[in-house]
Amino acid sequence: MTDADKPALDLLIAAPRGFCAGVDRAIRIVELAIEKHGAPVYVRHEIVHNRFVVDTLKAQGAIFVEELDEVPDGGHVVFSAHGVPKSVPADARSRGLDYLDATCPLVSKVHRQAEKLVEAGRHIVFIGHAGHPEVIGTFGQVPEGSMSLVETAADAEAFAPADASNLAFLTQTTLSVDDTAEIVATLQRRFPAIQAPRGEDICYATSNRQAAVKAIAASCDAVLVIGAPNSSNSLRLVEVAQREGVKAQLVQRAADLDWSLLDGVGTLGITAGASAPELLVRELVDLLATRFAIVEREVETTRESIAFKLPRGLNVAA
């Protein structure tokens, strides 16, 4: 079938999209650890929430485990970008394991804030999603009982602290900007003395990708978000598009596309979560080109230039 025989489809590709600096850094840490130590290198939890990335690293010699007791004595281990409780590196040291911490520096910043707030005697209201590795890791930085989890504005409305005059709040880095603003507004209305973070906890990449989706949504009939179903920031992008009144779908790979979503669609928006590589965007565009005569246009709302240093202990040239 020639392009002349195919229906037309305009693509609006959001920018920024895909990998953020924290994801780039985490993947590079695993790659350099394998280069330095040889395979296998163990990774506690998925290094980032993307099956393609995990499978690529497996092929290079990474073995993914959920707990340290799956790492043999003498093994080399990397902690995921989402962060881990303090007990995890402590356990690694007690066993004499060689470890590298690939926690995103922006998550580590939240960890340090949590420590300082608790040291100052404040109880922390943590806005996040129960069970997410980042939430588990952050709660694991401070003594049990010194933080309370709030997931929704309704939770914030119902929250009943022991001391309403001595509160602070922090947030998971990959939340919906709009949802979080509503929750924060509820907390600040109910507890005017609550202490806010010194800077925005939701990371720049999460905020930028949500803003980019908003910028294209009004011009789109549908939006596709490339990302994993356990990727918080990717799921938030789907929700952002839907709130803008556009039908949206999460796809892990091009092969997962539900073609029925494209019925009657003349303009399709495409973005990718912060843990999805650009290769998967190109894969999807190439697949669409087999059925449609496509015209691509990138819509850039901001340009990212942030990069994070690698941790000490990686002496292999990057």
C-alpha atoms as a PDB file:
ATOM      1  CA  MET A   1       0.000   0.000   0.000  1.00  0.00           C
ATOM      2  CA  THR A   2       1.413   3.383  -0.981  1.00  0.00           C
ATOM      3  CA  ASP A   3       1.038   6.494   1.155  1.00  0.00           C
ATOM      4  CA  ALA A   4      -1.509   7.766  -1.369  1.00  0.00           C
ATOM      5  CA  ASP A   5      -3.753   4.805  -0.466  1.00  0.00           C
ATOM      6  CA  LYS A   6      -3.442   5.255   3.308  1.00  0.00           C
ATOM      7  CA  PRO A   7      -5.619   7.463   5.494  1.00  0.00           C
ATOM      8  CA  ALA A   8      -3.875  10.585   6.772  1.00  0.00           C
ATOM      9  CA  LEU A   9      -2.737  10.816  10.376  1.00  0.00           C
ATOM     10  CA  ASP A  10      -1.073  13.855  11.937  1.00  0.00           C
ATOM     11  CA  LEU A  11       1.251  13.104  14.828  1.00  0.00           C
ATOM     12  CA  LEU A  12       1.949  15.652  17.552  1.00  0.00           C
ATOM     13  CA  ILE A  13       4.926  14.363  19.512  1.00  0.00           C
ATOM     14  CA  ALA A  14       5.345  15.954  22.927  1.00  0.00           C
ATOM     15  CA  ALA A  15       8.699  17.278  24.074  1.00  0.00           C
ATOM     16  CA  PRO A  16      10.148  16.763  26.542  1.00  0.00           C
ATOM     17  CA  ARG A  17       9.338  13.051  26.748  1.00  0.00           C
ATOM     18  CA  GLY A  18      11.079   9.828  27.654  1.00  0.00           C
ATOM     19  CA  PHE A  19      14.228   9.396  29.697  1.00  0.00           C
ATOM     20  CA  CYS A  20      15.014  11.875  32.457  1.00  0.00           C
ATOM     21  CA  ALA A  21      18.416  12.508  34.020  1.00  0.00           C
ATOM     22  CA  GLY A  22      17.733  10.167  36.953  1.00  0.00           C
ATOM     23  CA  VAL A  23      16.810   7.284  34.652  1.00  0.00           C
ATOM     24  CA  ASP A  24      19.822   7.905  32.408  1.00  0.00           C
ATOM     25  CA  ARG A  25      22.071   7.860  35.469  1.00  0.00           C
ATOM     26  CA  ALA A  26      20.556   4.683  36.947  1.00  0.00           C
ATOM     27  CA  ILE A  27      20.879   2.717  33.706  1.00  0.00           C
ATOM     28  CA  ARG A  28      24.452   3.923  33.236  1.00  0.00           C
ATOM     29  CA  ILE A  29      25.331   2.810  36.770  1.00  0.00           C
ATOM     30  CA  VAL A  30      24.209  -0.751  35.984  1.00  0.00           C
ATOM     31  CA  GLU A  31      26.055  -0.763  32.662  1.00  0.00           C
ATOM     32  CA  LEU A  32      29.271   0.517  34.251  1.00  0.00           C
ATOM     33  CA  ALA A  33      28.977  -1.918  37.154  1.00  0.00           C
ATOM     34  CA  ILE A  34      28.796  -4.803  34.671  1.00  0.00           C
ATOM     35  CA  GLU A  35      31.733  -3.345  32.743  1.00  0.00           C
ATOM     36  CA  LYS A  36      33.772  -2.977  35.928  1.00  0.00           C
ATOM     37  CA  HIS A  37      32.925  -6.228  37.721  1.00  0.00           C
ATOM     38  CA  GLY A  38      31.752  -8.486  34.919  1.00  0.00           C
ATOM     39  CA  ALA A  39      28.455 -10.361  34.860  1.00  0.00           C
ATOM     40  CA  PRO A  40      26.424 -10.956  36.821  1.00  0.00           C
ATOM     41  CA  VAL A  41      25.586  -7.749  38.642  1.00  0.00           C
ATOM     42  CA  TYR A  42      22.461  -7.958  40.772  1.00  0.00           C
ATOM     43  CA  VAL A  43      19.861  -5.192  40.768  1.00  0.00           C
ATOM     44  CA  ARG A  44      17.401  -4.909  43.645  1.00  0.00           C
ATOM     45  CA  HIS A  45      14.001  -4.226  42.091  1.00  0.00           C
ATOM     46  CA  GLU A  46      13.586  -3.050  38.481  1.00  0.00           C
ATOM     47  CA  ILE A  47      16.230  -0.359  37.986  1.00  0.00           C
ATOM     48  CA  VAL A  48      13.479   1.742  36.364  1.00  0.00           C
ATOM     49  CA  HIS A  49       9.920   0.734  35.568  1.00  0.00           C
ATOM     50  CA  ASN A  50      10.284  -0.298  31.949  1.00  0.00           C
ATOM     51  CA  ARG A  51      10.327  -3.881  30.677  1.00  0.00           C
ATOM     52  CA  PHE A  52      12.394  -3.053  27.577  1.00  0.00           C
ATOM     53  CA  VAL A  53      15.103  -1.414  29.696  1.00  0.00           C
ATOM     54  CA  VAL A  54      15.114  -4.308  32.174  1.00  0.00           C
ATOM     55  CA  ASP A  55      15.352  -6.913  29.402  1.00  0.00           C
ATOM     56  CA  THR A  56      18.162  -4.981  27.701  1.00  0.00           C
ATOM     57  CA  LEU A  57      20.165  -4.912  30.931  1.00  0.00           C
ATOM     58  CA  LYS A  58      19.452  -8.598  31.553  1.00  0.00           C
ATOM     59  CA  ALA A  59      21.002  -9.359  28.168  1.00  0.00           C
ATOM     60  CA  GLN A  60      24.127  -7.476  29.289  1.00  0.00           C
ATOM     61  CA  GLY A  61      24.460  -9.500  32.495  1.00  0.00           C
ATOM     62  CA  ALA A  62      22.136  -7.934  35.089  1.00  0.00           C
ATOM     63  CA  ILE A  63      20.094 -10.178  37.351  1.00  0.00           C
ATOM     64  CA  PHE A  64      17.037  -8.543  38.908  1.00  0.00           C
ATOM     65  CA  VAL A  65      15.958  -9.544  42.418  1.00  0.00           C
ATOM     66  CA  GLU A  66      13.403  -8.201  44.848  1.00  0.00           C
ATOM     67  CA  GLU A  67      15.339  -8.749  48.092  1.00  0.00           C
ATOM     68  CA  LEU A  68      18.983  -8.832  49.115  1.00  0.00           C
ATOM     69  CA  ASP A  69      18.765 -12.415  50.349  1.00  0.00           C
ATOM     70  CA  GLU A  70      18.592 -13.404  46.667  1.00  0.00           C
ATOM     71  CA  VAL A  71      22.084 -11.956  46.131  1.00  0.00           C
ATOM     72  CA  PRO A  72      24.849 -14.507  46.804  1.00  0.00           C
ATOM     73  CA  ASP A  73      27.728 -13.727  49.163  1.00  0.00           C
ATOM     74  CA  GLY A  74      30.390 -11.774  47.335  1.00  0.00           C
ATOM     75  CA  GLY A  75      27.874 -10.458  44.798  1.00  0.00           C
ATOM     76  CA  HIS A  76      27.743  -6.949  43.396  1.00  0.00           C
ATOM     77  CA  VAL A  77      24.373  -5.204  43.740  1.00  0.00           C
ATOM     78  CA  VAL A  78      22.764  -1.968  42.524  1.00  0.00           C
ATOM     79  CA  PHE A  79      19.802  -0.317  44.249  1.00  0.00           C
ATOM     80  CA  SER A  80      17.087   0.984  41.928  1.00  0.00           C
ATOM     81  CA  ALA A  81      16.395   4.598  40.985  1.00  0.00           C
ATOM     82  CA  HIS A  82      13.314   4.636  43.236  1.00  0.00           C
ATOM     83  CA  GLY A  83      15.350   4.544  46.443  1.00  0.00           C
ATOM     84  CA  VAL A  84      15.474   2.016  49.279  1.00  0.00           C
ATOM     85  CA  PRO A  85      14.910   2.075  53.045  1.00  0.00           C
ATOM     86  CA  LYS A  86      18.021   2.625  55.167  1.00  0.00           C
ATOM     87  CA  SER A  87      17.820  -1.004  56.269  1.00  0.00           C
ATOM     88  CA  VAL A  88      18.751  -2.218  52.774  1.00  0.00           C
ATOM     89  CA  PRO A  89      22.272  -0.732  52.515  1.00  0.00           C
ATOM     90  CA  ALA A  90      22.745  -1.611  56.203  1.00  0.00           C
ATOM     91  CA  ASP A  91      21.955  -5.254  55.391  1.00  0.00           C
ATOM     92  CA  ALA A  92      24.287  -5.127  52.395  1.00  0.00           C
ATOM     93  CA  ARG A  93      27.134  -3.815  54.578  1.00  0.00           C
ATOM     94  CA  SER A  94      26.503  -6.443  57.243  1.00  0.00           C
ATOM     95  CA  ARG A  95      26.859  -9.153  54.599  1.00  0.00           C
ATOM     96  CA  GLY A  96      29.915  -7.550  53.040  1.00  0.00           C
ATOM     97  CA  LEU A  97      28.159  -7.038  49.710  1.00  0.00           C
ATOM     98  CA  ASP A  98      29.610  -4.526  47.265  1.00  0.00           C
ATOM     99  CA  TYR A  99      26.776  -2.148  46.383  1.00  0.00           C
ATOM    100  CA  LEU A 100      26.055   0.949  44.313  1.00  0.00           C
ATOM    101  CA  ASP A 101      23.092   3.221  44.993  1.00  0.00           C
ATOM    102  CA  ALA A 102      21.317   4.351  41.806  1.00  0.00           C
ATOM    103  CA  THR A 103      18.636   6.300  43.714  1.00  0.00           C
ATOM    104  CA  CYS A 104      17.660   9.386  41.726  1.00  0.00           C
ATOM    105  CA  PRO A 105      19.275  12.426  43.382  1.00  0.00           C
ATOM    106  CA  LEU A 106      15.860  14.126  43.461  1.00  0.00           C
ATOM    107  CA  VAL A 107      14.470  11.209  45.476  1.00  0.00           C
ATOM    108  CA  SER A 108      17.527  11.349  47.751  1.00  0.00           C
ATOM    109  CA  LYS A 109      16.746  15.030  48.307  1.00  0.00           C
ATOM    110  CA  VAL A 110      13.307  14.063  49.646  1.00  0.00           C
ATOM    111  CA  HIS A 111      14.967  11.448  51.894  1.00  0.00           C
ATOM    112  CA  ARG A 112      17.259  14.075  53.426  1.00  0.00           C
ATOM    113  CA  GLN A 113      14.352  16.463  53.945  1.00  0.00           C
ATOM    114  CA  ALA A 114      12.433  13.730  55.755  1.00  0.00           C
ATOM    115  CA  GLU A 115      15.352  13.098  58.094  1.00  0.00           C
ATOM    116  CA  LYS A 116      15.778  16.780  58.920  1.00  0.00           C
ATOM    117  CA  LEU A 117      12.069  17.338  59.547  1.00  0.00           C
ATOM    118  CA  VAL A 118      11.868  14.387  61.927  1.00  0.00           C
ATOM    119  CA  GLU A 119      15.035  15.536  63.691  1.00  0.00           C
ATOM    120  CA  ALA A 120      13.303  18.907  64.136  1.00  0.00           C
ATOM    121  CA  GLY A 121      10.398  17.138  65.824  1.00  0.00           C
ATOM    122  CA  ARG A 122       7.832  17.445  63.045  1.00  0.00           C
ATOM    123  CA  HIS A 123       5.409  14.745  61.940  1.00  0.00           C
ATOM    124  CA  ILE A 124       5.464  14.327  58.153  1.00  0.00           C
ATOM    125  CA  VAL A 125       2.393  13.985  55.968  1.00  0.00           C
ATOM    126  CA  PHE A 126       3.696  12.168  52.898  1.00  0.00           C
ATOM    127  CA  ILE A 127       1.669  12.500  49.697  1.00  0.00           C
ATOM    128  CA  GLY A 128       2.144   9.428  47.528  1.00  0.00           C
ATOM    129  CA  HIS A 129       0.864   6.051  46.356  1.00  0.00           C
ATOM    130  CA  ALA A 130       0.810   3.185  48.838  1.00  0.00           C
ATOM    131  CA  GLY A 131       3.146   0.341  47.896  1.00  0.00           C
ATOM    132  CA  HIS A 132       5.195   2.311  45.379  1.00  0.00           C
ATOM    133  CA  PRO A 133       8.937   1.605  45.846  1.00  0.00           C
ATOM    134  CA  GLU A 134       9.682   5.319  46.237  1.00  0.00           C
ATOM    135  CA  VAL A 135       7.166   5.609  49.061  1.00  0.00           C
ATOM    136  CA  ILE A 136       8.541   2.498  50.786  1.00  0.00           C
ATOM    137  CA  GLY A 137      12.065   3.863  50.445  1.00  0.00           C
ATOM    138  CA  THR A 138      11.163   7.261  51.848  1.00  0.00           C
ATOM    139  CA  PHE A 139       9.275   5.842  54.826  1.00  0.00           C
ATOM    140  CA  GLY A 140      12.348   3.728  55.484  1.00  0.00           C
ATOM    141  CA  GLN A 141      14.492   6.815  56.088  1.00  0.00           C
ATOM    142  CA  VAL A 142      12.822   7.767  59.363  1.00  0.00           C
ATOM    143  CA  PRO A 143      11.604   6.009  62.512  1.00  0.00           C
ATOM    144  CA  GLU A 144       8.318   4.148  62.248  1.00  0.00           C
ATOM    145  CA  GLY A 145       5.345   6.338  63.129  1.00  0.00           C
ATOM    146  CA  SER A 146       6.981   9.626  62.183  1.00  0.00           C
ATOM    147  CA  MET A 147       5.240   9.794  58.775  1.00  0.00           C
ATOM    148  CA  SER A 148       1.634   9.371  57.649  1.00  0.00           C
ATOM    149  CA  LEU A 149       0.650   8.541  54.059  1.00  0.00           C
ATOM    150  CA  VAL A 150      -2.025  10.599  52.297  1.00  0.00           C
ATOM    151  CA  GLU A 151      -3.059   9.514  48.790  1.00  0.00           C
ATOM    152  CA  THR A 152      -6.047  11.733  47.982  1.00  0.00           C
ATOM    153  CA  ALA A 153      -7.683  15.022  48.916  1.00  0.00           C
ATOM    154  CA  ALA A 154     -10.273  12.963  50.809  1.00  0.00           C
ATOM    155  CA  ASP A 155      -7.453  11.390  52.832  1.00  0.00           C
ATOM    156  CA  ALA A 156      -6.117  14.872  53.581  1.00  0.00           C
ATOM    157  CA  GLU A 157      -9.588  15.947  54.705  1.00  0.00           C
ATOM    158  CA  ALA A 158      -9.868  12.964  57.049  1.00  0.00           C
ATOM    159  CA  PHE A 159      -6.315  13.084  58.429  1.00  0.00           C
ATOM    160  CA  ALA A 160      -6.327  13.510  62.222  1.00  0.00           C
ATOM    161  CA  PRO A 161      -2.843  14.184  63.604  1.00  0.00           C
ATOM    162  CA  ALA A 162      -1.893  14.003  67.251  1.00  0.00           C
ATOM    163  CA  ASP A 163      -0.364  17.481  67.066  1.00  0.00           C
ATOM    164  CA  ALA A 164      -1.823  19.694  64.323  1.00  0.00           C
ATOM    165  CA  SER A 165       0.612  22.501  65.100  1.00  0.00           C
ATOM    166  CA  ASN A 166       3.751  20.518  64.341  1.00  0.00           C
ATOM    167  CA  LEU A 167       3.304  19.113  60.841  1.00  0.00           C
ATOM    168  CA  ALA A 168       5.231  19.149  57.551  1.00  0.00           C
ATOM    169  CA  PHE A 169       4.489  17.601  54.180  1.00  0.00           C
ATOM    170  CA  LEU A 170       6.583  15.975  51.470  1.00  0.00           C
ATOM    171  CA  THR A 171       5.571  14.277  48.230  1.00  0.00           C
ATOM    172  CA  GLN A 172       6.505  11.424  45.956  1.00  0.00           C
ATOM    173  CA  THR A 173       8.411  12.789  42.959  1.00  0.00           C
ATOM    174  CA  THR A 174       6.209  11.264  40.230  1.00  0.00           C
ATOM    175  CA  LEU A 175       2.722  12.463  41.148  1.00  0.00           C
ATOM    176  CA  SER A 176       0.094  14.352  39.191  1.00  0.00           C
ATOM    177  CA  VAL A 177       0.868  18.041  39.575  1.00  0.00           C
ATOM    178  CA  ASP A 178      -2.835  18.938  39.650  1.00  0.00           C
ATOM    179  CA  ASP A 179      -3.848  16.190  42.104  1.00  0.00           C
ATOM    180  CA  THR A 180      -1.001  17.076  44.423  1.00  0.00           C
ATOM    181  CA  ALA A 181      -1.912  20.764  44.372  1.00  0.00           C
ATOM    182  CA  GLU A 182      -5.448  19.858  45.479  1.00  0.00           C
ATOM    183  CA  ILE A 183      -4.145  17.669  48.317  1.00  0.00           C
ATOM    184  CA  VAL A 184      -1.674  20.338  49.446  1.00  0.00           C
ATOM    185  CA  ALA A 185      -4.406  22.989  49.380  1.00  0.00           C
ATOM    186  CA  THR A 186      -6.562  20.781  51.596  1.00  0.00           C
ATOM    187  CA  LEU A 187      -3.726  20.239  54.081  1.00  0.00           C
ATOM    188  CA  GLN A 188      -2.847  23.936  54.175  1.00  0.00           C
ATOM    189  CA  ARG A 189      -6.478  24.929  54.691  1.00  0.00           C
ATOM    190  CA  ARG A 190      -6.891  22.471  57.556  1.00  0.00           C
ATOM    191  CA  PHE A 191      -3.439  22.983  59.083  1.00  0.00           C
ATOM    192  CA  PRO A 192      -2.235  26.541  58.333  1.00  0.00           C
ATOM    193  CA  ALA A 193       1.025  25.980  60.232  1.00  0.00           C
ATOM    194  CA  ILE A 194       2.046  22.926  58.175  1.00  0.00           C
ATOM    195  CA  GLN A 195       5.595  23.298  56.841  1.00  0.00           C
ATOM    196  CA  ALA A 196       6.066  22.983  53.079  1.00  0.00           C
ATOM    197  CA  PRO A 197       9.173  21.502  51.403  1.00  0.00           C
ATOM    198  CA  ARG A 198      12.041  23.892  50.741  1.00  0.00           C
ATOM    199  CA  GLY A 199      11.572  23.233  47.026  1.00  0.00           C
ATOM    200  CA  GLU A 200       9.095  21.403  44.803  1.00  0.00           C
ATOM    201  CA  ASP A 201       9.260  17.640  45.479  1.00  0.00           C
ATOM    202  CA  ILE A 202       7.571  16.592  42.232  1.00  0.00           C
ATOM    203  CA  CYS A 203      10.551  16.266  39.924  1.00  0.00           C
ATOM    204  CA  TYR A 204      11.206  18.535  36.968  1.00  0.00           C
ATOM    205  CA  ALA A 205      10.790  15.672  34.485  1.00  0.00           C
ATOM    206  CA  THR A 206       7.373  14.669  35.821  1.00  0.00           C
ATOM    207  CA  SER A 207       6.135  18.274  35.746  1.00  0.00           C
ATOM    208  CA  ASN A 208       7.593  18.946  32.290  1.00  0.00           C
ATOM    209  CA  ARG A 209       6.087  15.837  30.719  1.00  0.00           C
ATOM    210  CA  GLN A 210       2.656  16.595  32.142  1.00  0.00           C
ATOM    211  CA  ALA A 211       2.844  20.181  30.860  1.00  0.00           C
ATOM    212  CA  ALA A 212       3.874  18.924  27.408  1.00  0.00           C
ATOM    213  CA  VAL A 213       0.851  16.619  27.256  1.00  0.00           C
ATOM    214  CA  LYS A 214      -1.436  19.484  28.219  1.00  0.00           C
ATOM    215  CA  ALA A 215       0.094  21.572  25.427  1.00  0.00           C
ATOM    216  CA  ILE A 216      -0.829  19.063  22.710  1.00  0.00           C
ATOM    217  CA  ALA A 217      -4.050  17.593  24.128  1.00  0.00           C
ATOM    218  CA  ALA A 218      -6.406  20.299  22.847  1.00  0.00           C
ATOM    219  CA  SER A 219      -5.211  19.661  19.293  1.00  0.00           C
ATOM    220  CA  CYS A 220      -5.445  15.857  19.497  1.00  0.00           C
ATOM    221  CA  ASP A 221      -8.243  13.362  19.014  1.00  0.00           C
ATOM    222  CA  ALA A 222      -6.345  10.773  21.070  1.00  0.00           C
ATOM    223  CA  VAL A 223      -3.054  10.422  22.945  1.00  0.00           C
ATOM    224  CA  LEU A 224      -0.750   7.424  23.284  1.00  0.00           C
ATOM    225  CA  VAL A 225       1.617   7.245  26.255  1.00  0.00           C
ATOM    226  CA  ILE A 226       4.537   4.853  25.988  1.00  0.00           C
ATOM    227  CA  GLY A 227       5.314   3.437  29.416  1.00  0.00           C
ATOM    228  CA  ALA A 228       4.895   0.552  31.822  1.00  0.00           C
ATOM    229  CA  PRO A 229       1.730  -0.151  33.834  1.00  0.00           C
ATOM    230  CA  ASN A 230       3.790   0.042  37.066  1.00  0.00           C
ATOM    231  CA  SER A 231       5.334   3.385  36.072  1.00  0.00           C
ATOM    232  CA  SER A 232       3.740   6.115  38.178  1.00  0.00           C
ATOM    233  CA  ASN A 233       4.842   8.995  35.972  1.00  0.00           C
ATOM    234  CA  SER A 234       3.553   7.233  32.823  1.00  0.00           C
ATOM    235  CA  LEU A 235       0.153   6.539  34.348  1.00  0.00           C
ATOM    236  CA  ARG A 236      -0.094  10.171  35.383  1.00  0.00           C
ATOM    237  CA  LEU A 237       0.448  11.216  31.744  1.00  0.00           C
ATOM    238  CA  VAL A 238      -2.553   9.123  30.674  1.00  0.00           C
ATOM    239  CA  GLU A 239      -4.646  10.772  33.384  1.00  0.00           C
ATOM    240  CA  VAL A 240      -3.510  14.252  32.365  1.00  0.00           C
ATOM    241  CA  ALA A 241      -4.589  13.649  28.771  1.00  0.00           C
ATOM    242  CA  GLN A 242      -7.936  12.231  29.866  1.00  0.00           C
ATOM    243  CA  ARG A 243      -8.604  15.216  32.110  1.00  0.00           C
ATOM    244  CA  GLU A 244      -8.015  17.444  29.120  1.00  0.00           C
ATOM    245  CA  GLY A 245     -10.951  15.628  27.484  1.00  0.00           C
ATOM    246  CA  VAL A 246      -8.946  13.399  25.161  1.00  0.00           C
ATOM    247  CA  LYS A 247      -9.094   9.609  24.985  1.00  0.00           C
ATOM    248  CA  ALA A 248      -5.713   8.177  25.971  1.00  0.00           C
ATOM    249  CA  GLN A 249      -4.037   4.811  26.240  1.00  0.00           C
ATOM    250  CA  LEU A 250      -0.877   3.455  27.828  1.00  0.00           C
ATOM    251  CA  VAL A 251       1.210   1.173  25.598  1.00  0.00           C
ATOM    252  CA  GLN A 252       4.407  -0.631  26.600  1.00  0.00           C
ATOM    253  CA  ARG A 253       5.514  -1.407  23.052  1.00  0.00           C
ATOM    254  CA  ALA A 254       4.156  -0.641  19.605  1.00  0.00           C
ATOM    255  CA  ALA A 255       2.862  -4.208  19.334  1.00  0.00           C
ATOM    256  CA  ASP A 256       0.522  -3.547  22.276  1.00  0.00           C
ATOM    257  CA  LEU A 257      -1.372  -0.813  20.438  1.00  0.00           C
ATOM    258  CA  ASP A 258      -5.155  -1.188  20.394  1.00  0.00           C
ATOM    259  CA  TRP A 259      -5.856  -0.018  16.842  1.00  0.00           C
ATOM    260  CA  SER A 260      -9.509   0.632  17.660  1.00  0.00           C
ATOM    261  CA  LEU A 261      -8.370   3.700  19.638  1.00  0.00           C
ATOM    262  CA  LEU A 262      -7.451   5.280  16.315  1.00  0.00           C
ATOM    263  CA  ASP A 263     -10.919   4.942  14.759  1.00  0.00           C
ATOM    264  CA  GLY A 264     -11.906   8.399  13.566  1.00  0.00           C
ATOM    265  CA  VAL A 265      -8.631   9.947  14.783  1.00  0.00           C
ATOM    266  CA  GLY A 266      -7.087  12.574  12.530  1.00  0.00           C
ATOM    267  CA  THR A 267      -4.501  13.924  14.979  1.00  0.00           C
ATOM    268  CA  LEU A 268      -2.714  11.653  17.427  1.00  0.00           C
ATOM    269  CA  GLY A 269      -0.565  12.808  20.329  1.00  0.00           C
ATOM    270  CA  ILE A 270       2.412  10.724  21.417  1.00  0.00           C
ATOM    271  CA  THR A 271       4.540  10.971  24.534  1.00  0.00           C
ATOM    272  CA  ALA A 272       6.658   8.666  26.678  1.00  0.00           C
ATOM    273  CA  GLY A 273       7.120   8.320  30.412  1.00  0.00           C
ATOM    274  CA  ALA A 274      10.440   9.188  32.031  1.00  0.00           C
ATOM    275  CA  SER A 275      11.579   5.560  32.047  1.00  0.00           C
ATOM    276  CA  ALA A 276      10.764   4.843  28.374  1.00  0.00           C
ATOM    277  CA  PRO A 277      13.573   5.134  25.783  1.00  0.00           C
ATOM    278  CA  GLU A 278      13.199   7.145  22.578  1.00  0.00           C
ATOM    279  CA  LEU A 279      13.690   3.932  20.591  1.00  0.00           C
ATOM    280  CA  LEU A 280      10.176   2.882  21.646  1.00  0.00           C
ATOM    281  CA  VAL A 281       8.733   6.166  20.350  1.00  0.00           C
ATOM    282  CA  ARG A 282      10.333   5.556  16.956  1.00  0.00           C
ATOM    283  CA  GLU A 283       9.096   1.970  17.003  1.00  0.00           C
ATOM    284  CA  LEU A 284       5.525   3.189  17.483  1.00  0.00           C
ATOM    285  CA  VAL A 285       5.811   5.850  14.756  1.00  0.00           C
ATOM    286  CA  ASP A 286       7.177   3.250  12.339  1.00  0.00           C
ATOM    287  CA  LEU A 287       4.256   0.933  13.087  1.00  0.00           C
ATOM    288  CA  LEU A 288       1.729   3.704  12.559  1.00  0.00           C
ATOM    289  CA  ALA A 289       3.354   4.440   9.203  1.00  0.00           C
ATOM    290  CA  THR A 290       2.437   0.949   7.990  1.00  0.00           C
ATOM    291  CA  ARG A 291      -1.262   1.876   8.088  1.00  0.00           C
ATOM    292  CA  PHE A 292      -1.340   5.661   7.827  1.00  0.00           C
ATOM    293  CA  ALA A 293       0.223   8.421   5.784  1.00  0.00           C
ATOM    294  CA  ILE A 294       1.736  10.227   8.729  1.00  0.00           C
ATOM    295  CA  VAL A 295       2.970  13.764   9.154  1.00  0.00           C
ATOM    296  CA  GLU A 296       5.055  14.299  12.307  1.00  0.00           C
ATOM    297  CA  ARG A 297       5.418  17.494  14.287  1.00  0.00           C
ATOM    298  CA  GLU A 298       7.259  17.830  17.587  1.00  0.00           C
ATOM    299  CA  VAL A 299       5.757  20.271  20.077  1.00  0.00           C
ATOM    300  CA  GLU A 300       8.424  21.408  22.533  1.00  0.00           C
ATOM    301  CA  THR A 301       7.304  23.213  25.684  1.00  0.00           C
ATOM    302  CA  THR A 302      10.681  23.358  27.414  1.00  0.00           C
ATOM    303  CA  ARG A 303      14.232  22.085  26.952  1.00  0.00           C
ATOM    304  CA  GLU A 304      15.892  19.939  29.590  1.00  0.00           C
ATOM    305  CA  SER A 305      19.636  20.068  30.212  1.00  0.00           C
ATOM    306  CA  ILE A 306      19.933  18.500  33.661  1.00  0.00           C
ATOM    307  CA  ALA A 307      22.497  15.741  34.196  1.00  0.00           C
ATOM    308  CA  PHE A 308      23.478  13.966  37.406  1.00  0.00           C
ATOM    309  CA  LYS A 309      26.920  12.797  38.435  1.00  0.00           C
ATOM    310  CA  LEU A 310      27.665   9.111  38.804  1.00  0.00           C
ATOM    311  CA  PRO A 311      28.346   7.827  42.333  1.00  0.00           C
ATOM    312  CA  ARG A 312      31.809   7.227  43.654  1.00  0.00           C
ATOM    313  CA  GLY A 313      33.101   3.721  43.090  1.00  0.00           C
ATOM    314  CA  LEU A 314      32.635   3.662  39.343  1.00  0.00           C
ATOM    315  CA  ASN A 315      36.131   4.195  38.020  1.00  0.00           C
ATOM    316  CA  VAL A 316      35.327   3.005  34.514  1.00  0.00           C
ATOM    317  CA  ALA A 317      35.365   5.959  32.113  1.00  0.00           C
ATOM    318  CA  ALA A 318      31.811   6.981  31.247  1.00  0.00           C
END
